[in-house]
Protein backbone atom coordinates (compact mmCIF):
# COMPACT_ATOMS: atom_id res chain seq x y z
CA MET A 1 -60.86 -11.63 -33.82
CA LYS A 2 -59.64 -11.63 -30.42
CA THR A 3 -61.54 -13.93 -28.31
CA LYS A 4 -60.10 -16.50 -25.56
CA ILE A 5 -60.54 -19.26 -27.90
CA CYS A 6 -58.35 -17.44 -30.55
CA GLU A 7 -55.67 -16.96 -27.98
CA LEU A 8 -55.92 -20.49 -26.60
CA LEU A 9 -55.70 -22.07 -30.01
CA ASP A 10 -53.68 -19.64 -31.90
CA ILE A 11 -56.34 -19.08 -34.63
CA GLU A 12 -57.78 -15.89 -36.66
CA PHE A 13 -61.51 -16.79 -36.44
CA PRO A 14 -63.38 -18.58 -33.58
CA ILE A 15 -65.01 -20.92 -35.85
CA LEU A 16 -64.41 -24.63 -35.00
CA ALA A 17 -65.31 -27.14 -37.58
CA PHE A 18 -66.27 -30.72 -36.26
CA THR A 19 -66.41 -33.14 -39.29
CA HIS A 20 -65.38 -36.71 -40.22
CA CYS A 21 -63.83 -35.43 -43.67
CA ARG A 22 -60.03 -34.68 -43.69
CA ASP A 23 -60.49 -32.28 -46.29
CA VAL A 24 -63.08 -30.14 -44.58
CA VAL A 25 -60.64 -30.23 -41.69
CA ALA A 26 -57.79 -28.85 -43.92
CA ALA A 27 -59.80 -26.39 -45.74
CA VAL A 28 -61.29 -24.71 -42.55
CA THR A 29 -57.85 -24.68 -40.93
CA ARG A 30 -56.05 -22.93 -43.94
CA ALA A 31 -59.12 -20.31 -43.94
CA GLY A 32 -58.36 -19.29 -40.42
CA GLY A 33 -60.82 -21.57 -38.43
CA TYR A 34 -59.92 -24.62 -36.57
CA GLY A 35 -60.66 -28.18 -38.15
CA VAL A 36 -61.57 -30.85 -35.67
CA LEU A 37 -61.51 -34.50 -37.10
CA GLY A 38 -64.09 -36.69 -35.76
CA ALA A 39 -62.31 -40.22 -35.28
CA ALA A 40 -65.03 -42.54 -33.81
CA GLY A 41 -65.34 -44.27 -37.39
CA HIS A 42 -61.71 -44.43 -37.86
CA THR A 43 -59.49 -47.45 -37.12
CA PRO A 44 -56.20 -46.35 -35.64
CA GLU A 45 -54.43 -47.14 -39.12
CA GLN A 46 -57.05 -44.86 -40.69
CA LEU A 47 -56.55 -42.07 -38.30
CA ASP A 48 -52.82 -42.35 -38.55
CA ILE A 49 -53.09 -41.51 -42.46
CA ASP A 50 -55.61 -39.01 -42.10
CA LEU A 51 -53.73 -36.82 -39.35
CA SER A 52 -50.40 -37.41 -41.42
CA TRP A 53 -52.20 -35.95 -44.51
CA ILE A 54 -53.80 -32.90 -42.51
CA THR A 55 -50.50 -32.25 -41.02
CA ASP A 56 -48.84 -31.97 -44.68
CA GLU A 57 -51.83 -29.88 -45.76
CA VAL A 58 -51.94 -27.22 -43.01
CA GLY A 59 -48.38 -27.01 -42.12
CA ASP A 60 -47.83 -25.21 -38.76
CA ARG A 61 -51.58 -24.07 -38.27
CA PRO A 62 -53.24 -26.06 -35.39
CA PHE A 63 -56.03 -28.60 -35.85
CA GLY A 64 -57.79 -31.08 -33.31
CA VAL A 65 -59.15 -34.54 -32.73
CA ASP A 66 -62.64 -35.65 -31.53
CA ILE A 67 -62.96 -39.15 -30.01
CA ILE A 68 -66.35 -40.71 -28.41
CA VAL A 69 -65.65 -42.19 -25.04
CA PRO A 70 -69.20 -42.43 -23.62
CA ALA A 71 -69.83 -42.11 -19.84
CA LYS A 72 -72.26 -45.05 -19.93
CA TYR A 73 -72.52 -48.06 -22.34
CA GLU A 74 -73.17 -51.57 -22.25
CA GLY A 75 -70.44 -53.63 -20.64
CA LYS A 76 -68.39 -50.73 -18.95
CA ASP A 77 -69.24 -51.88 -15.57
CA ASP A 78 -67.47 -55.25 -16.21
CA GLY A 79 -64.41 -53.47 -17.74
CA GLY A 80 -65.67 -53.64 -21.48
CA LEU A 81 -66.96 -56.90 -22.84
CA SER A 82 -65.32 -58.65 -25.87
CA VAL A 83 -67.13 -58.01 -29.05
CA SER A 84 -68.33 -61.71 -29.50
CA SER A 85 -69.75 -61.20 -25.85
CA LEU A 86 -71.65 -58.27 -26.80
CA LYS A 87 -72.99 -59.64 -30.15
CA ASP A 88 -74.31 -62.44 -28.22
CA MET A 89 -76.40 -59.85 -26.27
CA ILE A 90 -78.08 -58.99 -29.50
CA PRO A 91 -81.81 -60.28 -29.58
CA GLN A 92 -82.80 -62.50 -32.44
CA THR A 93 -86.00 -60.41 -32.76
CA HIS A 94 -83.74 -57.60 -33.53
CA ARG A 95 -81.72 -59.39 -36.10
CA GLU A 96 -84.90 -60.61 -37.79
CA PHE A 97 -86.38 -57.19 -37.88
CA LEU A 98 -83.52 -55.69 -39.54
CA ASP A 99 -83.28 -58.71 -42.32
CA ASP A 100 -86.79 -57.89 -42.97
CA MET A 101 -86.39 -54.33 -43.21
CA MET A 102 -83.51 -54.95 -45.67
CA ALA A 103 -85.58 -57.40 -47.99
CA ARG A 104 -88.68 -54.86 -47.93
CA TYR A 105 -86.45 -52.16 -49.29
CA ASP A 106 -84.69 -54.28 -51.69
CA VAL A 107 -81.31 -53.76 -50.22
CA PRO A 108 -78.80 -56.34 -51.56
CA PRO A 109 -76.33 -58.18 -49.46
CA LEU A 110 -72.59 -57.06 -49.68
CA GLN A 111 -70.39 -58.64 -52.13
CA PRO A 112 -67.31 -60.76 -50.57
CA LYS A 113 -64.84 -58.01 -52.34
CA GLN A 114 -66.81 -55.12 -51.13
CA ASP A 115 -66.14 -55.24 -47.54
CA GLU A 116 -62.50 -56.20 -47.05
CA ALA A 117 -61.18 -53.08 -45.59
CA PRO A 118 -60.55 -53.19 -41.71
CA ARG A 119 -63.41 -51.16 -40.00
CA ALA A 120 -63.79 -49.32 -36.58
CA GLY A 121 -65.50 -51.74 -33.98
CA GLU A 122 -64.36 -55.14 -35.46
CA SER A 123 -61.73 -55.68 -33.10
CA GLU A 124 -63.18 -53.61 -30.06
CA ALA A 125 -66.93 -52.53 -29.63
CA PRO A 126 -67.66 -49.27 -31.23
CA MET A 127 -67.95 -46.04 -29.24
CA THR A 128 -66.23 -47.63 -25.72
CA TYR A 129 -63.24 -46.93 -23.82
CA ASN A 130 -61.24 -49.84 -25.10
CA GLN A 131 -61.85 -48.69 -28.92
CA ALA A 132 -60.88 -45.13 -27.89
CA VAL A 133 -57.43 -46.17 -26.22
CA PRO A 134 -55.47 -46.71 -29.54
CA LEU A 135 -57.25 -43.94 -31.05
CA MET A 136 -55.88 -41.67 -28.35
CA ASP A 137 -52.25 -43.38 -28.95
CA VAL A 138 -52.49 -42.35 -32.59
CA ALA A 139 -53.67 -38.83 -32.00
CA PHE A 140 -51.14 -37.99 -29.38
CA SER A 141 -48.27 -39.15 -31.86
CA HIS A 142 -49.33 -36.09 -34.23
CA PRO A 143 -49.21 -32.42 -33.69
CA ILE A 144 -52.83 -32.05 -32.51
CA SER A 145 -53.58 -28.94 -30.02
CA LEU A 146 -57.05 -29.97 -28.83
CA ILE A 147 -58.73 -33.20 -28.07
CA VAL A 148 -62.20 -33.28 -27.55
CA ASN A 149 -64.49 -36.21 -25.95
CA ALA A 150 -68.18 -35.94 -27.31
CA LEU A 151 -69.93 -38.14 -24.73
CA GLY A 152 -69.55 -37.57 -21.11
CA PRO A 153 -66.54 -36.36 -19.11
CA PRO A 154 -63.29 -37.21 -20.83
CA PRO A 155 -61.66 -40.26 -19.00
CA PRO A 156 -58.77 -39.14 -16.67
CA ASP A 157 -55.95 -40.63 -18.52
CA MET A 158 -57.10 -38.63 -21.77
CA ILE A 159 -57.03 -35.47 -19.85
CA GLU A 160 -53.57 -36.53 -18.20
CA ARG A 161 -52.12 -37.43 -21.62
CA ALA A 162 -53.21 -34.44 -23.34
CA HIS A 163 -51.92 -31.87 -20.69
CA GLU A 164 -48.36 -33.90 -20.69
CA ASN A 165 -48.30 -33.39 -24.48
CA GLY A 166 -49.16 -29.78 -24.23
CA VAL A 167 -52.81 -30.24 -25.89
CA LYS A 168 -55.86 -28.93 -24.50
CA VAL A 169 -59.12 -30.93 -23.77
CA GLY A 170 -62.59 -30.15 -24.63
CA ALA A 171 -65.98 -31.86 -23.79
CA LEU A 172 -69.54 -31.30 -24.95
CA ALA A 173 -72.37 -30.50 -22.41
CA GLY A 174 -75.86 -30.59 -22.97
CA LYS A 175 -76.82 -29.47 -19.54
CA LYS A 176 -75.13 -26.86 -16.86
CA SER A 177 -74.38 -29.99 -14.57
CA HIS A 178 -72.63 -31.64 -17.19
CA ALA A 179 -70.24 -28.82 -17.92
CA VAL A 180 -69.53 -28.25 -14.10
CA ARG A 181 -68.69 -32.23 -14.00
CA HIS A 182 -66.28 -31.41 -17.11
CA VAL A 183 -64.49 -28.62 -15.72
CA ALA A 184 -64.12 -30.39 -12.20
CA SER A 185 -62.43 -33.26 -14.12
CA GLY A 186 -59.83 -30.73 -15.71
CA VAL A 187 -61.34 -29.90 -19.02
CA ASP A 188 -60.07 -26.55 -20.66
CA VAL A 189 -63.06 -25.83 -23.05
CA ILE A 190 -66.59 -26.30 -22.83
CA ILE A 191 -68.84 -26.95 -26.02
CA ALA A 192 -72.32 -25.78 -25.06
CA GLN A 193 -74.22 -27.94 -27.36
CA GLY A 194 -77.97 -27.38 -27.54
CA HIS A 195 -80.91 -29.29 -28.67
CA GLU A 196 -80.69 -28.17 -32.21
CA ALA A 197 -77.58 -29.91 -32.87
CA GLY A 198 -76.93 -32.74 -35.18
CA GLY A 199 -75.66 -36.03 -33.77
CA HIS A 200 -75.90 -36.63 -29.77
CA THR A 201 -77.54 -33.86 -28.26
CA GLY A 202 -79.87 -33.19 -25.05
CA GLU A 203 -83.08 -31.44 -24.61
CA ILE A 204 -82.16 -27.64 -24.01
CA ALA A 205 -81.96 -25.14 -26.87
CA THR A 206 -78.86 -23.29 -27.37
CA MET A 207 -80.25 -19.78 -26.63
CA VAL A 208 -81.09 -21.00 -23.02
CA LEU A 209 -78.02 -23.39 -22.79
CA VAL A 210 -75.17 -21.24 -23.69
CA PRO A 211 -75.47 -18.23 -21.17
CA GLU A 212 -76.30 -20.99 -18.29
CA ILE A 213 -73.06 -22.68 -18.83
CA VAL A 214 -71.18 -19.57 -19.63
CA ASP A 215 -72.16 -18.24 -16.08
CA ALA A 216 -71.51 -21.69 -14.39
CA VAL A 217 -67.92 -22.29 -15.60
CA ALA A 218 -66.46 -18.81 -15.85
CA PRO A 219 -63.67 -18.07 -16.75
CA ILE A 220 -63.31 -21.46 -18.86
CA PRO A 221 -63.97 -20.59 -22.28
CA VAL A 222 -67.07 -21.99 -23.80
CA LEU A 223 -67.84 -22.43 -27.46
CA ALA A 224 -71.79 -22.62 -28.47
CA ALA A 225 -72.99 -25.38 -30.63
CA GLY A 226 -76.42 -26.48 -32.13
CA GLY A 227 -77.97 -24.79 -35.10
CA ILE A 228 -75.13 -22.66 -35.78
CA GLY A 229 -73.95 -22.01 -39.44
CA THR A 230 -74.12 -18.52 -40.27
CA GLY A 231 -72.45 -15.27 -38.88
CA ARG A 232 -75.53 -13.71 -37.32
CA GLN A 233 -75.76 -17.00 -35.26
CA MET A 234 -72.13 -16.39 -34.54
CA ALA A 235 -72.83 -13.07 -33.55
CA ALA A 236 -75.67 -14.11 -31.23
CA SER A 237 -73.22 -16.76 -29.68
CA LEU A 238 -70.65 -14.24 -28.54
CA ALA A 239 -73.32 -11.93 -27.39
CA LEU A 240 -74.35 -14.95 -25.06
CA GLY A 241 -71.15 -14.99 -23.60
CA ALA A 242 -69.35 -17.59 -25.92
CA GLU A 243 -65.70 -17.20 -26.94
CA GLY A 244 -66.55 -18.86 -30.47
CA VAL A 245 -68.60 -21.33 -32.10
CA TRP A 246 -68.55 -25.13 -32.73
CA CYS A 247 -70.28 -26.16 -35.96
CA GLY A 248 -70.66 -29.42 -37.54
CA SER A 249 -73.78 -29.89 -39.75
CA VAL A 250 -72.95 -26.82 -42.07
CA TRP A 251 -69.74 -28.83 -43.55
CA LEU A 252 -71.66 -31.81 -44.68
CA THR A 253 -72.96 -30.03 -47.77
CA THR A 254 -69.78 -28.68 -48.77
CA LEU A 255 -67.80 -29.50 -51.90
CA GLU A 256 -65.17 -31.26 -49.95
CA ALA A 257 -67.51 -33.29 -47.57
CA GLU A 258 -67.31 -37.08 -48.15
CA THR A 259 -71.08 -37.02 -47.48
CA HIS A 260 -73.04 -39.98 -49.22
CA PRO A 261 -74.25 -38.46 -52.59
CA ALA A 262 -78.19 -39.46 -51.82
CA VAL A 263 -77.67 -37.91 -48.24
CA LYS A 264 -76.24 -34.70 -49.69
CA ASP A 265 -79.18 -34.18 -52.09
CA LYS A 266 -81.44 -35.02 -49.13
CA PHE A 267 -79.77 -32.18 -47.16
CA LEU A 268 -79.82 -29.68 -49.64
CA ALA A 269 -83.49 -30.22 -50.22
CA ALA A 270 -84.59 -30.50 -46.65
CA THR A 271 -86.14 -27.86 -44.31
CA SER A 272 -85.31 -27.38 -40.72
CA SER A 273 -88.44 -29.52 -39.72
CA ASP A 274 -86.89 -32.70 -41.40
CA THR A 275 -84.83 -33.80 -38.49
CA LEU A 276 -85.72 -35.67 -35.35
CA ARG A 277 -83.77 -37.23 -32.48
CA SER A 278 -83.58 -40.88 -32.70
CA ARG A 279 -81.60 -43.71 -31.24
CA SER A 280 -81.67 -45.99 -34.26
CA ARG A 281 -77.93 -45.29 -35.40
CA THR A 282 -76.04 -45.35 -31.90
CA GLY A 283 -78.53 -46.35 -29.30
CA LYS A 284 -78.26 -42.76 -27.67
CA PRO A 285 -80.57 -39.77 -28.81
CA ALA A 286 -78.87 -38.45 -32.05
CA ARG A 287 -80.46 -35.91 -34.11
CA GLN A 288 -80.51 -37.14 -37.80
CA LEU A 289 -82.44 -36.56 -41.07
CA ARG A 290 -85.84 -38.37 -40.86
CA SER A 291 -86.01 -41.14 -43.52
CA ALA A 292 -87.46 -44.36 -44.05
CA TRP A 293 -84.90 -45.71 -41.45
CA THR A 294 -85.97 -43.78 -38.78
CA ASP A 295 -89.68 -44.27 -39.59
CA GLU A 296 -89.03 -48.20 -39.32
CA TRP A 297 -87.34 -47.72 -35.93
CA GLU A 298 -90.28 -45.71 -34.56
CA GLY A 299 -92.82 -47.85 -36.22
CA PRO A 300 -95.45 -50.19 -34.73
CA ASN A 301 -93.45 -53.55 -35.80
CA SER A 302 -90.31 -52.11 -34.35
CA PRO A 303 -88.76 -54.44 -31.30
CA GLY A 304 -87.33 -51.05 -30.16
CA THR A 305 -83.66 -49.84 -30.28
CA LEU A 306 -80.75 -51.13 -28.18
CA GLY A 307 -78.42 -49.38 -25.89
CA MET A 308 -74.76 -48.37 -26.99
CA PRO A 309 -72.75 -49.93 -28.26
CA LEU A 310 -75.37 -53.00 -29.16
CA GLN A 311 -77.31 -50.87 -31.57
CA PRO A 312 -74.24 -49.87 -33.64
CA MET A 313 -72.99 -53.17 -33.50
CA LEU A 314 -76.44 -54.48 -34.75
CA ILE A 315 -76.68 -52.09 -37.70
CA ALA A 316 -73.09 -51.99 -38.82
CA GLU A 317 -73.42 -54.26 -42.04
CA ALA A 318 -76.97 -52.85 -42.80
CA SER A 319 -75.97 -49.39 -42.83
CA ARG A 320 -72.98 -50.37 -45.29
CA ARG A 321 -75.46 -52.35 -47.35
CA VAL A 322 -77.91 -49.32 -47.39
CA ASP A 323 -75.04 -46.94 -48.38
CA ARG A 324 -73.63 -48.63 -51.17
CA ALA A 325 -76.89 -49.67 -52.74
CA ALA A 326 -77.96 -46.03 -52.60
CA MET A 327 -75.35 -44.99 -54.70
CA ASN A 328 -77.46 -46.26 -57.36
CA PRO A 329 -80.37 -43.62 -57.46
CA GLU A 330 -82.56 -46.32 -59.20
CA ASN A 331 -82.49 -48.32 -55.96
CA GLU A 332 -85.27 -46.33 -54.43
CA GLY A 333 -85.61 -48.51 -51.28
CA ALA A 334 -82.08 -47.88 -50.36
CA VAL A 335 -82.40 -43.99 -51.15
CA LYS A 336 -85.47 -43.86 -48.94
CA LEU A 337 -83.56 -45.60 -46.24
CA ALA A 338 -80.32 -43.38 -46.52
CA ASN A 339 -79.71 -40.85 -43.69
CA TYR A 340 -77.29 -39.42 -41.62
CA PHE A 341 -76.68 -37.22 -38.47
CA VAL A 342 -77.60 -33.59 -38.89
CA GLY A 343 -79.01 -30.58 -37.11
CA GLN A 344 -81.81 -28.26 -37.60
CA ILE A 345 -79.45 -25.94 -39.54
CA VAL A 346 -80.06 -28.06 -42.52
CA GLY A 347 -82.77 -25.86 -43.70
CA SER A 348 -80.37 -23.31 -44.49
CA MET A 349 -77.54 -25.85 -46.13
CA ASN A 350 -79.31 -25.44 -49.47
CA GLU A 351 -76.06 -24.55 -51.73
CA ALA A 352 -73.02 -26.67 -52.05
CA LYS A 353 -69.78 -24.27 -51.29
CA HIS A 354 -66.34 -24.97 -50.44
CA ALA A 355 -65.51 -25.03 -46.88
CA ASP A 356 -63.28 -22.10 -46.89
CA ARG A 357 -66.16 -19.98 -48.50
CA VAL A 358 -68.46 -21.12 -45.77
CA VAL A 359 -65.91 -19.74 -43.31
CA LEU A 360 -65.31 -16.54 -45.01
CA ASP A 361 -69.35 -15.78 -45.43
CA MET A 362 -69.53 -16.46 -42.03
CA VAL A 363 -67.13 -13.80 -41.08
CA ASP A 364 -68.51 -11.30 -43.38
CA GLU A 365 -71.95 -11.88 -42.02
CA PHE A 366 -70.69 -11.51 -38.62
CA ILE A 367 -69.12 -8.37 -39.12
CA ASP A 368 -72.39 -7.05 -40.76
CA ALA A 369 -74.53 -8.41 -37.71
CA ILE A 370 -71.95 -6.44 -35.21
CA GLN A 371 -71.97 -3.48 -37.23
CA ARG A 372 -75.88 -3.42 -37.32
CA VAL A 373 -76.34 -3.65 -33.63
CA ASN A 374 -73.54 -0.73 -33.23
CA ASP A 375 -75.62 1.26 -35.41
CA MET A 376 -78.50 0.68 -33.11
CA MET A 377 -76.49 2.10 -30.11
CA GLN A 378 -75.71 5.46 -31.65
């Protein structure tokens, strides 16, 4: 295929796979697409290991990294508060609510030896500029060709360092105004992410958003995102003016994905109506699977969610407890709480496949869809 994004990134198919799993990055990249490793949950040491592994797996094929540097978060105006200062800002009522939830759902505490590995957010608050800088340092020490910021305009030093290293810069946009601001800051690729998407997403649907942004930022290439996981949706995206697609949720049920087994089972059984936007994981609206976890945070006894990064700091240990306990299917409470980010495309994610098969199925269906339209024009 010959689109601007294929030429820009030197790839065969204009299918970009956002994933936190290095195996998916490698599989998609080897299949002719472009894997982008989500690094927000990595420590610098973990990111270095994963990027080295990916490089060994894909050889000279290109791949990228996604790092979250929010435009707004608690403490940003003060230059980034310390972890201890931010923890002191978490109200006791929220801690008590979470403790009560863990007790009512019979989620046991972590054992001392179960939580020894370093984790993102321990030395610097998660999803902040201070956490992102060492991740950028690692990313630019590897042969990436694209770096993406998922929340707001990329900071100036990310753009400057990327371009100095010959790396393209991308940014997600949920509104036309976001995209225009990104381009003004020097971004090379815009990801127009519609309301249907998993994770942090806005209010405008993909079908409306993509052509708005395409017209607003031309000739900057635009990727369509949000509810995209099939070849027909890929054809529709290109018809709307996009130069390719950015897919995230569809990889979560692949055989390579490291998705929690209990959550993967829920995804495979879910319908497109089983997601909602909730602040319960990050403090910002993020589409995820509805579960007892989201219901509790929306319920009458909830104290309400906190802003970023206080909410992810508040729930970090509880989330690890739920994930560990839910590995045992007999722990029904933990299984009920277990959830993860996913878009409305989850209703079509009802079969576990290898990631490269997903890529090739998308391409085959894309060709069929284009041929069908061509036949109509004769």
